[in-house]
């Protein structure tokens, strides 16, 4: 059992940060496009 690697909280935080860095830019892109669309609809209607 000495060679077994156990993940600790630092590995978990690295995994969470990697997931956020992959998921946040597309999410911001979609939300920004939606906001821009709603803004344009509000201006022209």
N, C-alpha and C. Protein backbone atom coordinates (compact mmCIF):
# COMPACT_ATOMS: atom_id res chain seq x y z
N UNK A 1 0.82 -1.22 0.00
CA UNK A 1 0.00 0.00 0.00
C UNK A 1 0.86 1.28 0.00
N UNK A 2 2.18 1.08 0.08
CA UNK A 2 3.02 2.26 0.17
C UNK A 2 3.10 3.03 -1.15
N UNK A 3 2.98 2.32 -2.27
CA UNK A 3 3.07 2.99 -3.55
C UNK A 3 1.77 3.58 -4.06
N UNK A 4 0.71 3.46 -3.28
CA UNK A 4 -0.60 3.98 -3.71
C UNK A 4 -0.63 5.49 -3.62
N UNK A 5 -1.13 6.13 -4.67
CA UNK A 5 -1.21 7.59 -4.70
C UNK A 5 -2.63 8.00 -4.35
N UNK A 6 -2.74 8.82 -3.32
CA UNK A 6 -4.07 9.31 -2.93
C UNK A 6 -4.18 10.78 -3.31
N UNK A 7 -5.25 11.15 -3.99
CA UNK A 7 -5.43 12.57 -4.33
C UNK A 7 -5.76 13.39 -3.09
N UNK A 8 -5.21 14.57 -3.01
CA UNK A 8 -5.53 15.44 -1.90
C UNK A 8 -6.31 16.66 -2.41
N UNK A 9 -6.50 17.61 -1.54
CA UNK A 9 -7.36 18.75 -1.90
C UNK A 9 -6.71 19.62 -2.98
N UNK A 10 -5.37 19.61 -3.05
CA UNK A 10 -4.71 20.42 -4.09
C UNK A 10 -4.99 19.85 -5.48
N UNK A 11 -4.98 18.52 -5.57
CA UNK A 11 -5.32 17.90 -6.87
C UNK A 11 -6.76 18.20 -7.25
N UNK A 12 -7.65 18.16 -6.26
CA UNK A 12 -9.06 18.46 -6.51
C UNK A 12 -9.23 19.91 -6.97
N UNK A 13 -8.54 20.84 -6.31
CA UNK A 13 -8.64 22.25 -6.70
C UNK A 13 -8.07 22.47 -8.10
N UNK A 14 -7.00 21.76 -8.45
CA UNK A 14 -6.44 21.88 -9.80
C UNK A 14 -7.44 21.37 -10.84
N UNK A 15 -8.12 20.28 -10.51
CA UNK A 15 -9.13 19.75 -11.42
C UNK A 15 -10.29 20.73 -11.58
N UNK A 16 -10.75 21.32 -10.49
CA UNK A 16 -11.84 22.30 -10.54
C UNK A 16 -11.43 23.52 -11.35
N UNK A 17 -10.22 24.01 -11.13
CA UNK A 17 -9.75 25.18 -11.89
C UNK A 17 -9.61 24.87 -13.37
N UNK A 18 -9.16 23.68 -13.70
CA UNK A 18 -9.05 23.30 -15.11
C UNK A 18 -10.43 23.23 -15.75
N UNK A 19 -11.41 22.67 -15.02
CA UNK A 19 -12.77 22.60 -15.55
C UNK A 19 -13.34 24.00 -15.76
N UNK A 20 -13.12 24.90 -14.78
CA UNK A 20 -13.62 26.26 -14.94
C UNK A 20 -12.94 26.96 -16.12
N UNK A 21 -11.65 26.76 -16.29
CA UNK A 21 -10.96 27.44 -17.39
C UNK A 21 -11.43 26.93 -18.74
N UNK A 22 -11.92 25.69 -18.79
CA UNK A 22 -12.46 25.17 -20.05
C UNK A 22 -13.91 25.60 -20.27
N UNK A 23 -14.68 25.72 -19.19
CA UNK A 23 -16.12 25.97 -19.34
C UNK A 23 -16.51 27.44 -19.31
N UNK A 24 -15.73 28.28 -18.64
CA UNK A 24 -16.15 29.67 -18.51
C UNK A 24 -16.10 30.48 -19.80
N UNK A 25 -15.07 30.39 -20.63
CA UNK A 25 -15.08 31.22 -21.85
C UNK A 25 -16.27 30.96 -22.77
N UNK A 26 -16.65 29.71 -23.07
CA UNK A 26 -17.85 29.52 -23.89
C UNK A 26 -19.12 30.03 -23.20
N UNK A 27 -19.17 29.89 -21.89
CA UNK A 27 -20.35 30.38 -21.16
C UNK A 27 -20.45 31.90 -21.26
N UNK A 28 -19.32 32.60 -21.08
CA UNK A 28 -19.32 34.06 -21.21
C UNK A 28 -19.66 34.47 -22.63
N UNK A 29 -19.19 33.71 -23.61
CA UNK A 29 -19.49 34.02 -25.01
C UNK A 29 -20.99 33.91 -25.28
N UNK A 30 -21.62 32.85 -24.78
CA UNK A 30 -23.06 32.66 -24.98
C UNK A 30 -23.85 33.74 -24.25
N UNK A 31 -23.47 34.02 -23.00
CA UNK A 31 -24.19 35.05 -22.24
C UNK A 31 -24.00 36.44 -22.86
N UNK A 32 -22.80 36.72 -23.37
CA UNK A 32 -22.56 38.01 -24.02
C UNK A 32 -23.37 38.15 -25.30
N UNK A 33 -23.45 37.08 -26.09
CA UNK A 33 -24.23 37.12 -27.31
C UNK A 33 -25.72 37.31 -27.00
N UNK A 34 -26.19 36.62 -25.97
CA UNK A 34 -27.59 36.77 -25.57
C UNK A 34 -27.88 38.19 -25.09
N UNK A 35 -26.97 38.76 -24.30
CA UNK A 35 -27.15 40.12 -23.81
C UNK A 35 -27.16 41.11 -24.97
N UNK A 36 -26.24 40.92 -25.91
CA UNK A 36 -26.18 41.81 -27.07
C UNK A 36 -27.45 41.71 -27.91
N UNK A 37 -27.94 40.49 -28.11
CA UNK A 37 -29.16 40.28 -28.87
C UNK A 37 -30.35 40.97 -28.18
N UNK A 38 -30.48 40.79 -26.87
CA UNK A 38 -31.59 41.43 -26.14
C UNK A 38 -31.47 42.95 -26.17
N UNK A 39 -30.25 43.44 -26.09
CA UNK A 39 -30.03 44.88 -26.16
C UNK A 39 -30.43 45.45 -27.52
N UNK A 40 -30.05 44.75 -28.60
CA UNK A 40 -30.41 45.20 -29.93
C UNK A 40 -31.92 45.12 -30.16
N UNK A 41 -32.56 44.08 -29.66
CA UNK A 41 -34.02 43.94 -29.80
C UNK A 41 -34.70 45.08 -29.06
N UNK A 42 -34.18 45.43 -27.87
CA UNK A 42 -34.81 46.50 -27.08
C UNK A 42 -34.63 47.86 -27.77
N UNK A 43 -33.49 48.05 -28.44
CA UNK A 43 -33.24 49.34 -29.10
C UNK A 43 -34.11 49.49 -30.34
N UNK A 44 -34.22 48.45 -31.15
CA UNK A 44 -34.88 48.58 -32.45
C UNK A 44 -36.37 48.28 -32.41
N UNK A 45 -36.89 47.82 -31.29
CA UNK A 45 -38.35 47.59 -31.23
C UNK A 45 -39.02 48.52 -30.25
